[in-house]
Amino acid sequence: MADQITKRSENYSQWYSDLVMKADLAEQSAVRGCMVIKPYGYAIWEKMQRTLDDMFKATGHTNAYFPLFIPKSFFSKEAEHVAGFAKECAVVTHHRLMNDPEGKGVVVDPAAKLEEELIVRPTSETIIWSTYKNWITSWRDLPILCNQWANVVRWEMRTRLFLRTAEFLWQEGHTAHATSQEAIEETQRMVQVYADFARNFLALPVIVGHKSPNERFAGALDTMTIEAMMQDGKALQAGTSHFLGQNFAKSFDVMYTSKEGKQEYVWATSWGVSTRLMGALIMAHGDDNGLVLPPALAPIQVVMVPIFKTAEEHEAILDKMYELKKALEAKGHSVKIDDRDTLRPGFKFAEWELKGVPVRLAMGPRDLAAGTVEVHRRDTLEKKTMELAGLENSIEGLLDDIQANIYKKAFDFRESRVEKCDSWEEFKEKIGTGKFLLCHWDGTPETEQAIKDATKATIRCIPEDSFVCEEEGKDIFSGKPSSRRVVFGIAY
């Protein structure tokens, strides 16, 4: 099966596309730019969703749901916000179809034009803040800590499965606070939730930091981000958390009566991650044999393949496997016994390797007689024989080791590709070779844009962890004074 996947060294982009398709994660749909997430891919997303949802609720958030359609007039109330999304909006203009009078199928009924066009949500700040106006009157109503799991539409012209599609799945948190300090703390809290999830579940080392003004979310006063490096050295923005100030509260006249009896505008945040995390999972860890899934997010953590010739051998091996399956499931692990009798063991091995299952167990009559089993770990492709007695405890430790090893491999890879850079000529030479460059920046959007125009590189973040960047120097492009370094990279 690995022969059906382009090698990363030959064409990384094609390797990614091949892997998404061959591992049964997703496929193109009949709708331009939209994807079908297949059951195995959706099972991974469900695990991400379930984990994140628990993390959100542990920090006091609750789920709600808001409309898919947003009146066009709502976007006119926040000029910077609408400017950020105007070119990506899908617009609903009519509400009815009719049979073509000339018998040419179905057409839009011209008499069914909407009085006001509706925008298919690219993000929900406007519809949510129009709702919060009805929910908030007093300081007692605050804070509001809401999250919604939803789909959004951004009419992308160049699409790529999971990374950039016209419709995608995500969660978006929208919170309302009495003070700016509370909202800033919320922004910081949620970006750290994302970093925790990325590091401990996705096994993805990320840099936490602030976006530059040019890269901020439309309508935000500050955007915090987690930035990851893929195996081709490109950056992937894996999650963002935004301090929105009072912009949306003022646009929708959302005020509250303070404890002192004064009328004050509410302070806002929003934050979100999407099915783009699926792309990160594939590109950060996959190899030429297929997916490499961290056990924490693998739909199947352990797969068992029986090897037999006779019905008696088959029955005896299955009995032992079901016994082991029950013991592993009692410890909270997801287990599958692949007992398909139409496929050879070698085919099954290749299939589960392609799908990234962390641990594969193979057992034949000799293994059963000896009280042993062959254990294969997906991350290193190593095989070894282990004792059946107490195997459930050994597997638990093995899964923890695989999770840690996948993270370490990704971390070491990123560390090997991060460099300080103080020369414009060196910057131009190195930025296209798959590196994160720590460079001085003079803080102006003009310099940032000039660097982007010349090299396609952007400031991925102004880091607040991972790297010590506060030092005096000169901007690599303008030569103006700078008090800190920022992370430059070429991004997806």
Protein backbone atom coordinates (compact mmCIF):
# COMPACT_ATOMS: atom_id res chain seq x y z
CA MET A 1 0.00 0.00 0.00
CA ALA A 2 2.89 2.36 0.69
CA ASP A 3 3.78 2.02 -3.00
CA GLN A 4 0.56 3.91 -3.79
CA ILE A 5 1.77 6.95 -1.86
CA THR A 6 4.22 9.44 -3.32
CA LYS A 7 7.42 9.70 -1.28
CA ARG A 8 7.77 12.84 0.82
CA SER A 9 11.21 13.48 -0.66
CA GLU A 10 9.80 13.39 -4.19
CA ASN A 11 6.74 15.61 -3.81
CA TYR A 12 5.60 16.57 -0.31
CA SER A 13 2.36 18.14 -1.51
CA GLN A 14 1.38 15.06 -3.50
CA TRP A 15 2.38 12.82 -0.57
CA TYR A 16 -0.09 14.70 1.60
CA SER A 17 -2.92 14.42 -0.92
CA ASP A 18 -2.22 10.72 -1.52
CA LEU A 19 -2.20 10.00 2.19
CA VAL A 20 -5.49 11.79 2.88
CA MET A 21 -7.15 9.73 0.16
CA LYS A 22 -5.46 6.33 0.66
CA ALA A 23 -5.87 6.36 4.45
CA ASP A 24 -9.63 6.92 4.00
CA LEU A 25 -9.66 10.27 5.77
CA ALA A 26 -11.45 12.45 3.22
CA GLU A 27 -12.19 12.93 -0.46
CA GLN A 28 -13.31 15.67 -2.82
CA SER A 29 -17.06 16.21 -3.08
CA ALA A 30 -19.37 17.14 -5.92
CA VAL A 31 -19.39 20.71 -4.57
CA ARG A 32 -16.40 22.80 -5.64
CA GLY A 33 -13.93 23.28 -2.80
CA CYS A 34 -15.84 21.15 -0.31
CA MET A 35 -14.82 17.79 1.12
CA VAL A 36 -16.40 14.59 2.34
CA ILE A 37 -14.85 13.56 5.65
CA LYS A 38 -14.93 9.77 5.63
CA PRO A 39 -15.73 7.68 8.73
CA TYR A 40 -12.11 7.01 9.72
CA GLY A 41 -11.19 10.68 9.32
CA TYR A 42 -14.28 11.78 11.19
CA ALA A 43 -13.48 9.37 14.02
CA ILE A 44 -10.19 11.22 14.53
CA TRP A 45 -11.99 14.58 14.44
CA GLU A 46 -14.55 13.26 16.96
CA LYS A 47 -11.72 12.40 19.35
CA MET A 48 -10.27 15.88 18.95
CA GLN A 49 -13.71 17.37 19.48
CA ARG A 50 -14.46 15.29 22.57
CA THR A 51 -11.11 16.11 24.15
CA LEU A 52 -11.33 19.83 23.46
CA ASP A 53 -14.95 19.98 24.60
CA ASP A 54 -13.95 18.51 27.96
CA MET A 55 -11.11 21.03 28.23
CA PHE A 56 -13.47 23.92 27.47
CA LYS A 57 -16.01 22.78 30.03
CA ALA A 58 -13.25 22.35 32.62
CA THR A 59 -12.53 26.08 32.20
CA GLY A 60 -16.17 27.05 32.73
CA HIS A 61 -17.50 27.23 29.17
CA THR A 62 -20.83 25.89 27.94
CA ASN A 63 -22.01 25.04 24.44
CA ALA A 64 -24.69 26.87 22.48
CA TYR A 65 -25.67 27.16 18.83
CA PHE A 66 -26.28 30.23 16.68
CA PRO A 67 -27.73 30.60 13.15
CA LEU A 68 -25.87 29.65 10.00
CA PHE A 69 -27.27 32.72 8.20
CA ILE A 70 -26.30 36.28 9.09
CA PRO A 71 -28.13 39.38 7.78
CA LYS A 72 -25.88 41.38 5.50
CA SER A 73 -26.53 44.55 7.51
CA PHE A 74 -24.80 43.00 10.53
CA PHE A 75 -21.51 42.98 8.66
CA SER A 76 -21.85 46.67 7.89
CA LYS A 77 -21.66 47.48 11.59
CA GLU A 78 -17.99 46.50 12.03
CA ALA A 79 -16.01 47.88 9.10
CA GLU A 80 -12.66 46.17 9.79
CA HIS A 81 -14.37 42.83 10.38
CA VAL A 82 -16.32 42.88 7.11
CA ALA A 83 -13.24 44.00 5.19
CA GLY A 84 -11.43 40.89 6.43
CA PHE A 85 -14.08 38.51 5.12
CA ALA A 86 -15.80 40.37 2.24
CA LYS A 87 -14.03 38.43 -0.52
CA GLU A 88 -14.81 35.02 1.05
CA CYS A 89 -18.54 35.36 1.73
CA ALA A 90 -21.24 33.16 0.20
CA VAL A 91 -24.47 35.14 -0.16
CA VAL A 92 -28.06 33.85 -0.16
CA THR A 93 -30.29 36.05 -2.35
CA HIS A 94 -33.45 33.95 -2.94
CA HIS A 95 -35.52 31.52 -0.91
CA ARG A 96 -37.31 29.39 -3.52
CA LEU A 97 -36.82 27.33 -6.69
CA MET A 98 -39.31 26.66 -9.46
CA ASN A 99 -39.60 24.52 -12.57
CA ASP A 100 -38.26 26.28 -15.64
CA PRO A 101 -41.25 27.36 -17.78
CA GLU A 102 -39.28 26.24 -20.82
CA GLY A 103 -38.80 22.79 -19.36
CA LYS A 104 -35.05 23.14 -18.72
CA GLY A 105 -35.03 21.83 -15.16
CA VAL A 106 -35.12 23.90 -11.99
CA VAL A 107 -34.40 27.64 -11.80
CA VAL A 108 -34.41 30.30 -9.09
CA ASP A 109 -37.85 31.86 -8.68
CA PRO A 110 -37.31 35.58 -9.45
CA ALA A 111 -40.29 36.42 -7.25
CA ALA A 112 -38.58 34.87 -4.23
CA LYS A 113 -35.81 37.44 -3.79
CA LEU A 114 -34.97 38.11 -0.15
CA GLU A 115 -35.64 41.57 1.19
CA GLU A 116 -32.16 41.46 2.74
CA GLU A 117 -29.42 39.11 1.59
CA LEU A 118 -28.10 36.56 4.08
CA ILE A 119 -24.42 35.71 4.50
CA VAL A 120 -23.51 32.06 5.14
CA ARG A 121 -21.39 32.47 8.27
CA PRO A 122 -17.65 32.82 7.72
CA THR A 123 -17.44 33.39 11.50
CA SER A 124 -20.13 34.27 14.03
CA GLU A 125 -19.09 37.43 15.91
CA THR A 126 -21.83 39.58 14.39
CA ILE A 127 -24.77 37.21 14.88
CA ILE A 128 -23.63 36.33 18.39
CA TRP A 129 -23.16 39.91 19.53
CA SER A 130 -26.58 40.85 18.17
CA THR A 131 -27.87 38.04 20.43
CA TYR A 132 -25.77 39.01 23.46
CA LYS A 133 -27.49 42.40 23.43
CA ASN A 134 -30.65 40.57 24.54
CA TRP A 135 -28.82 38.58 27.21
CA ILE A 136 -26.82 41.30 28.94
CA THR A 137 -28.22 44.16 31.01
CA SER A 138 -26.30 44.03 34.30
CA TRP A 139 -22.88 43.07 35.68
CA ARG A 140 -24.69 40.04 37.14
CA ASP A 141 -25.12 38.67 33.58
CA LEU A 142 -21.36 38.56 33.06
CA PRO A 143 -19.21 36.80 32.13
CA ILE A 144 -20.83 34.85 29.30
CA LEU A 145 -18.61 31.94 28.32
CA CYS A 146 -20.10 30.28 25.22
CA ASN A 147 -18.70 27.90 22.64
CA GLN A 148 -20.31 26.45 19.56
CA TRP A 149 -19.37 23.50 17.36
CA ALA A 150 -20.36 24.38 13.83
CA ASN A 151 -19.50 24.59 10.16
CA VAL A 152 -18.47 27.78 8.39
CA VAL A 153 -18.07 28.81 4.76
CA ARG A 154 -15.19 30.85 3.37
CA TRP A 155 -15.20 30.86 -0.41
CA GLU A 156 -11.59 29.88 -0.96
CA MET A 157 -10.35 29.87 -4.53
CA ARG A 158 -7.48 27.41 -4.00
CA THR A 159 -8.55 24.53 -1.81
CA ARG A 160 -6.80 21.59 -0.21
CA LEU A 161 -8.37 18.84 1.87
CA PHE A 162 -8.47 19.77 5.57
CA LEU A 163 -6.05 22.69 5.18
CA ARG A 164 -8.22 25.06 3.18
CA THR A 165 -11.74 24.22 2.03
CA ALA A 166 -14.78 26.32 1.20
CA GLU A 167 -16.67 24.68 4.06
CA PHE A 168 -15.00 23.33 7.18
CA LEU A 169 -15.83 22.26 10.71
CA TRP A 170 -14.65 24.08 13.79
CA GLN A 171 -15.47 25.37 17.21
CA GLU A 172 -15.71 29.05 18.01
CA GLY A 173 -15.77 30.42 21.52
CA HIS A 174 -17.36 33.82 22.12
CA THR A 175 -17.14 35.38 25.55
CA ALA A 176 -18.34 38.62 27.13
CA HIS A 177 -16.70 40.27 30.15
CA ALA A 178 -17.13 43.26 32.44
CA THR A 179 -13.51 44.43 32.20
CA SER A 180 -10.69 44.48 29.71
CA GLN A 181 -8.46 42.59 32.15
CA GLU A 182 -10.93 39.70 32.36
CA ALA A 183 -11.14 39.52 28.56
CA ILE A 184 -7.36 39.61 28.17
CA GLU A 185 -7.00 36.83 30.74
CA GLU A 186 -9.60 34.78 28.84
CA THR A 187 -7.69 35.29 25.58
CA GLN A 188 -4.50 34.07 27.24
CA ARG A 189 -6.23 31.18 29.02
CA MET A 190 -7.72 29.77 25.84
CA VAL A 191 -4.56 29.96 23.74
CA GLN A 192 -2.87 27.97 26.51
CA VAL A 193 -5.72 25.40 26.36
CA TYR A 194 -4.97 25.04 22.65
CA ALA A 195 -1.24 24.73 23.34
CA ASP A 196 -1.90 22.06 25.96
CA PHE A 197 -4.09 20.13 23.52
CA ALA A 198 -1.56 20.43 20.69
CA ARG A 199 1.38 19.28 22.80
CA ASN A 200 -0.26 16.55 24.87
CA PHE A 201 -2.79 15.10 22.45
CA LEU A 202 -1.68 16.03 18.93
CA ALA A 203 1.96 15.48 19.99
CA LEU A 204 2.63 18.74 18.19
CA PRO A 205 5.20 21.22 19.51
CA VAL A 206 3.82 24.72 19.09
CA ILE A 207 5.04 28.24 19.67
CA VAL A 208 2.65 30.48 21.60
CA GLY A 209 2.73 34.14 20.76
CA HIS A 210 0.98 37.24 19.45
CA LYS A 211 0.18 37.97 15.84
CA SER A 212 1.56 41.10 14.25
CA PRO A 213 -1.03 43.79 13.33
CA ASN A 214 -0.96 42.66 9.67
CA GLU A 215 -1.80 39.08 10.65
CA ARG A 216 -4.43 39.72 13.33
CA PHE A 217 -8.01 38.53 13.07
CA ALA A 218 -10.21 41.14 11.42
CA GLY A 219 -11.67 43.34 14.15
CA ALA A 220 -9.35 42.17 16.96
CA LEU A 221 -7.11 44.36 19.12
CA ASP A 222 -4.81 41.39 19.75
CA THR A 223 -4.61 37.87 18.35
CA MET A 224 -2.72 35.10 20.11
CA THR A 225 -1.73 32.00 18.17
CA ILE A 226 -0.16 28.58 18.34
CA GLU A 227 2.22 28.05 15.42
CA ALA A 228 3.47 24.62 14.34
CA MET A 229 6.09 23.45 11.86
CA MET A 230 5.26 20.76 9.33
CA GLN A 231 7.79 18.28 7.94
CA ASP A 232 8.49 20.47 4.92
CA GLY A 233 9.49 23.29 7.23
CA LYS A 234 6.39 25.39 6.53
CA ALA A 235 4.36 26.95 9.31
CA LEU A 236 0.78 26.07 10.11
CA GLN A 237 -1.39 28.32 12.25
CA ALA A 238 -3.05 25.68 14.43
CA GLY A 239 -5.33 27.81 16.61
CA THR A 240 -6.04 31.43 17.52
CA SER A 241 -7.51 33.38 20.43
CA HIS A 242 -8.60 36.99 19.96
CA PHE A 243 -9.02 39.94 22.30
CA LEU A 244 -11.76 41.92 20.57
CA GLY A 245 -11.86 44.86 22.96
CA GLN A 246 -15.22 46.67 22.82
CA ASN A 247 -15.45 46.82 19.03
CA PHE A 248 -18.37 44.41 18.66
CA ALA A 249 -20.10 45.62 21.83
CA LYS A 250 -20.09 49.16 20.43
CA SER A 251 -21.19 48.00 16.97
CA PHE A 252 -24.21 46.19 18.44
CA ASP A 253 -24.74 48.51 21.43
CA VAL A 254 -24.14 45.84 24.06
CA MET A 255 -23.91 47.60 27.42
CA TYR A 256 -24.30 46.59 31.05
CA THR A 257 -24.98 48.42 34.30
CA SER A 258 -21.91 48.17 36.52
CA LYS A 259 -21.93 47.67 40.30
CA GLU A 260 -21.50 51.44 40.56
CA GLY A 261 -24.64 51.98 38.46
CA LYS A 262 -22.81 53.20 35.35
CA GLN A 263 -23.54 52.10 31.79
CA GLU A 264 -20.45 50.38 30.33
CA TYR A 265 -19.68 48.60 27.07
CA VAL A 266 -18.89 44.89 27.36
CA TRP A 267 -15.43 43.46 26.56
CA ALA A 268 -15.16 40.53 24.16
CA THR A 269 -13.04 37.57 23.06
CA SER A 270 -13.34 34.86 20.43
CA TRP A 271 -11.20 31.79 19.82
CA GLY A 272 -11.25 28.74 17.58
CA VAL A 273 -9.63 25.69 16.03
CA SER A 274 -10.84 23.75 13.02
CA THR A 275 -10.46 20.58 10.97
CA ARG A 276 -7.17 22.17 9.85
CA LEU A 277 -5.82 20.28 12.88
CA MET A 278 -6.36 17.12 10.85
CA GLY A 279 -3.94 18.49 8.28
CA ALA A 280 -1.45 19.28 11.04
CA LEU A 281 -1.70 15.75 12.39
CA ILE A 282 -0.95 14.26 8.99
CA MET A 283 1.85 16.61 7.94
CA ALA A 284 3.67 16.72 11.27
CA HIS A 285 3.86 12.97 11.90
CA GLY A 286 3.10 10.94 8.76
CA ASP A 287 5.83 9.01 6.92
CA ASP A 288 6.25 7.24 3.60
CA ASN A 289 4.25 4.26 4.90
CA GLY A 290 1.22 6.33 5.87
CA LEU A 291 -0.24 7.98 8.92
CA VAL A 292 1.46 7.98 12.31
CA LEU A 293 -1.24 8.68 14.88
CA PRO A 294 -0.53 9.71 18.47
CA PRO A 295 -2.30 7.18 20.72
CA ALA A 296 -4.21 9.98 22.45
CA LEU A 297 -6.15 10.69 19.22
CA ALA A 298 -6.06 7.34 17.41
CA PRO A 299 -9.59 5.92 16.89
CA ILE A 300 -8.03 2.45 17.17
CA GLN A 301 -5.06 2.31 19.52
CA VAL A 302 -4.41 -1.42 19.26
CA VAL A 303 -5.29 -3.71 16.36
CA MET A 304 -4.99 -7.50 16.63
CA VAL A 305 -4.44 -9.76 13.64
CA PRO A 306 -4.92 -13.54 14.09
CA ILE A 307 -2.76 -15.87 11.98
CA PHE A 308 -4.06 -19.42 11.55
CA LYS A 309 -4.56 -22.33 9.16
CA THR A 310 -7.28 -24.42 10.80
CA ALA A 311 -10.62 -23.63 12.35
CA GLU A 312 -9.37 -24.93 15.70
CA GLU A 313 -6.37 -22.60 15.65
CA HIS A 314 -8.63 -19.72 14.64
CA GLU A 315 -11.03 -20.30 17.53
CA ALA A 316 -8.28 -20.67 20.13
CA ILE A 317 -6.46 -17.52 19.00
CA LEU A 318 -9.66 -15.49 18.90
CA ASP A 319 -10.56 -16.58 22.42
CA LYS A 320 -7.23 -15.27 23.68
CA MET A 321 -7.56 -12.06 21.67
CA TYR A 322 -11.03 -11.30 23.02
CA GLU A 323 -9.72 -11.91 26.51
CA LEU A 324 -6.90 -9.44 25.90
CA LYS A 325 -9.25 -6.97 24.23
CA LYS A 326 -11.48 -6.94 27.30
CA ALA A 327 -8.47 -6.32 29.58
CA LEU A 328 -7.22 -3.44 27.41
CA GLU A 329 -10.66 -1.86 27.12
CA ALA A 330 -10.98 -2.00 30.89
CA LYS A 331 -7.97 0.34 30.97
CA GLY A 332 -9.69 2.73 28.57
CA HIS A 333 -7.96 1.73 25.34
CA SER A 334 -9.68 1.32 21.96
CA VAL A 335 -9.06 -2.10 20.43
CA LYS A 336 -10.02 -3.83 17.20
CA ILE A 337 -9.65 -7.48 16.22
CA ASP A 338 -9.24 -7.73 12.45
CA ASP A 339 -10.86 -11.09 11.77
CA ARG A 340 -11.68 -10.52 8.09
CA ASP A 341 -11.27 -13.92 6.45
CA THR A 342 -11.01 -12.59 2.89
CA LEU A 343 -7.66 -10.85 3.39
CA ARG A 344 -4.17 -12.17 4.04
CA PRO A 345 -2.35 -11.04 7.23
CA GLY A 346 0.24 -9.15 5.19
CA PHE A 347 -2.47 -7.03 3.57
CA LYS A 348 -3.97 -6.28 6.97
CA PHE A 349 -0.56 -5.29 8.34
CA ALA A 350 -0.04 -2.84 5.48
CA GLU A 351 -3.54 -1.39 5.82
CA TRP A 352 -3.27 -0.68 9.54
CA GLU A 353 0.22 0.71 9.05
CA LEU A 354 -1.18 3.06 6.40
CA LYS A 355 -3.93 4.13 8.80
CA GLY A 356 -1.43 4.87 11.56
CA VAL A 357 -2.70 2.54 14.30
CA PRO A 358 -0.12 2.92 17.11
CA VAL A 359 0.19 -0.76 18.13
CA ARG A 360 -0.39 -3.93 16.11
CA LEU A 361 -0.46 -7.38 17.69
CA ALA A 362 -0.08 -10.57 15.62
CA MET A 363 -0.68 -14.01 17.09
CA GLY A 364 -0.32 -17.45 15.55
CA PRO A 365 -0.54 -21.00 16.99
CA ARG A 366 3.12 -21.01 18.05
CA ASP A 367 2.69 -17.66 19.85
CA LEU A 368 -0.36 -18.97 21.64
CA ALA A 369 1.43 -22.14 22.71
CA ALA A 370 4.42 -20.15 23.96
CA GLY A 371 2.28 -17.57 25.74
CA THR A 372 3.68 -14.73 23.62
CA VAL A 373 2.57 -12.24 20.95
CA GLU A 374 4.35 -10.23 18.26
CA VAL A 375 4.08 -6.49 18.99
CA HIS A 376 4.66 -3.85 16.29
CA ARG A 377 4.82 -0.13 17.09
CA ARG A 378 3.87 2.23 14.29
CA ASP A 379 6.10 5.16 15.21
CA THR A 380 9.42 3.31 14.89
CA LEU A 381 8.24 0.26 12.88
CA GLU A 382 9.97 -1.94 15.48
CA LYS A 383 8.76 -5.46 16.25
CA LYS A 384 9.36 -7.52 19.35
CA THR A 385 7.94 -10.56 21.11
CA MET A 386 6.21 -9.92 24.43
CA GLU A 387 4.72 -12.15 27.12
CA LEU A 388 0.93 -12.50 27.11
CA ALA A 389 0.84 -12.52 30.90
CA GLY A 390 0.25 -8.94 32.04
CA LEU A 391 0.34 -7.69 28.44
CA GLU A 392 -2.37 -5.12 29.10
CA ASN A 393 0.01 -3.31 31.47
CA SER A 394 2.89 -3.52 29.01
CA ILE A 395 0.71 -2.13 26.21
CA GLU A 396 -0.39 0.77 28.38
CA GLY A 397 3.22 1.72 28.97
CA LEU A 398 4.03 1.24 25.29
CA LEU A 399 1.24 3.61 24.23
CA ASP A 400 2.56 6.26 26.61
CA ASP A 401 6.05 5.79 25.19
CA ILE A 402 4.78 6.09 21.60
CA GLN A 403 2.93 9.32 22.45
CA ALA A 404 6.07 10.80 24.00
CA ASN A 405 8.31 9.62 21.18
CA ILE A 406 6.11 11.12 18.46
CA TYR A 407 6.21 14.47 20.25
CA LYS A 408 9.97 14.30 20.77
CA LYS A 409 10.59 13.52 17.11
CA ALA A 410 8.48 16.51 16.01
CA PHE A 411 10.10 18.74 18.64
CA ASP A 412 13.64 17.77 17.65
CA PHE A 413 12.79 18.33 14.00
CA ARG A 414 11.51 21.84 14.69
CA GLU A 415 14.48 22.69 16.89
CA SER A 416 16.86 21.65 14.11
CA ARG A 417 15.20 24.15 11.78
CA VAL A 418 15.03 27.26 13.97
CA GLU A 419 17.86 29.77 13.50
CA LYS A 420 18.67 33.33 14.41
CA CYS A 421 19.22 35.52 11.37
CA ASP A 422 20.61 39.08 11.26
CA SER A 423 21.33 39.58 7.55
CA TRP A 424 18.84 40.35 4.78
CA GLU A 425 20.90 38.39 2.28
CA GLU A 426 21.02 35.40 4.63
CA PHE A 427 17.27 35.73 5.23
CA LYS A 428 16.50 35.58 1.50
CA GLU A 429 18.77 32.58 1.13
CA LYS A 430 17.38 30.56 4.05
CA ILE A 431 13.68 31.42 4.34
CA GLY A 432 12.69 29.21 1.41
CA THR A 433 14.57 26.18 2.72
CA GLY A 434 12.02 25.20 5.36
CA LYS A 435 13.16 27.11 8.43
CA PHE A 436 11.77 29.34 11.15
CA LEU A 437 14.05 32.39 11.31
CA LEU A 438 14.25 34.46 14.49
CA CYS A 439 14.81 37.98 13.24
CA HIS A 440 14.66 41.54 14.48
CA TRP A 441 11.65 43.55 13.27
CA ASP A 442 11.15 47.29 13.62
CA GLY A 443 7.46 46.88 14.50
CA THR A 444 6.02 48.57 11.42
CA PRO A 445 3.45 46.98 9.12
CA GLU A 446 5.22 48.55 6.14
CA THR A 447 8.41 46.60 6.78
CA GLU A 448 6.47 43.40 7.40
CA GLN A 449 4.60 43.81 4.10
CA ALA A 450 7.81 44.57 2.20
CA ILE A 451 9.41 41.37 3.52
CA LYS A 452 6.31 39.39 2.56
CA ASP A 453 6.26 40.88 -0.95
CA ALA A 454 9.92 40.03 -1.45
CA THR A 455 9.99 36.52 0.01
CA LYS A 456 6.40 35.31 0.79
CA ALA A 457 7.50 35.03 4.43
CA THR A 458 5.27 36.35 7.19
CA ILE A 459 5.69 36.98 10.89
CA ARG A 460 4.21 33.81 12.33
CA CYS A 461 4.17 35.23 15.82
CA ILE A 462 5.83 37.45 18.37
CA PRO A 463 6.67 34.60 20.73
CA GLU A 464 5.97 34.66 24.43
CA ASP A 465 7.27 31.16 25.09
CA SER A 466 9.68 28.66 23.51
CA PHE A 467 12.31 31.23 22.51
CA VAL A 468 14.03 34.07 24.33
CA CYS A 469 13.66 36.91 21.85
CA GLU A 470 13.90 40.11 23.89
CA GLU A 471 17.21 41.68 22.90
CA GLU A 472 18.34 44.85 21.18
CA GLY A 473 19.19 44.75 17.50
CA LYS A 474 18.37 46.08 14.04
CA ASP A 475 15.57 45.14 11.68
CA ILE A 476 16.91 42.76 9.00
CA PHE A 477 15.19 44.71 6.22
CA SER A 478 14.98 48.37 7.25
CA GLY A 479 17.95 48.51 9.60
CA LYS A 480 15.86 50.42 12.15
CA PRO A 481 16.23 49.68 15.88
CA SER A 482 14.40 46.64 17.28
CA SER A 483 13.91 45.46 20.86
CA ARG A 484 13.09 41.84 20.11
CA ARG A 485 13.13 39.05 17.57
CA VAL A 486 10.02 37.57 15.95
CA VAL A 487 9.39 34.26 14.17
CA PHE A 488 9.38 34.45 10.39
CA GLY A 489 8.29 31.55 8.22
CA ILE A 490 6.50 30.59 5.03
CA ALA A 491 3.05 29.33 5.91
CA TYR A 492 0.22 27.20 4.59
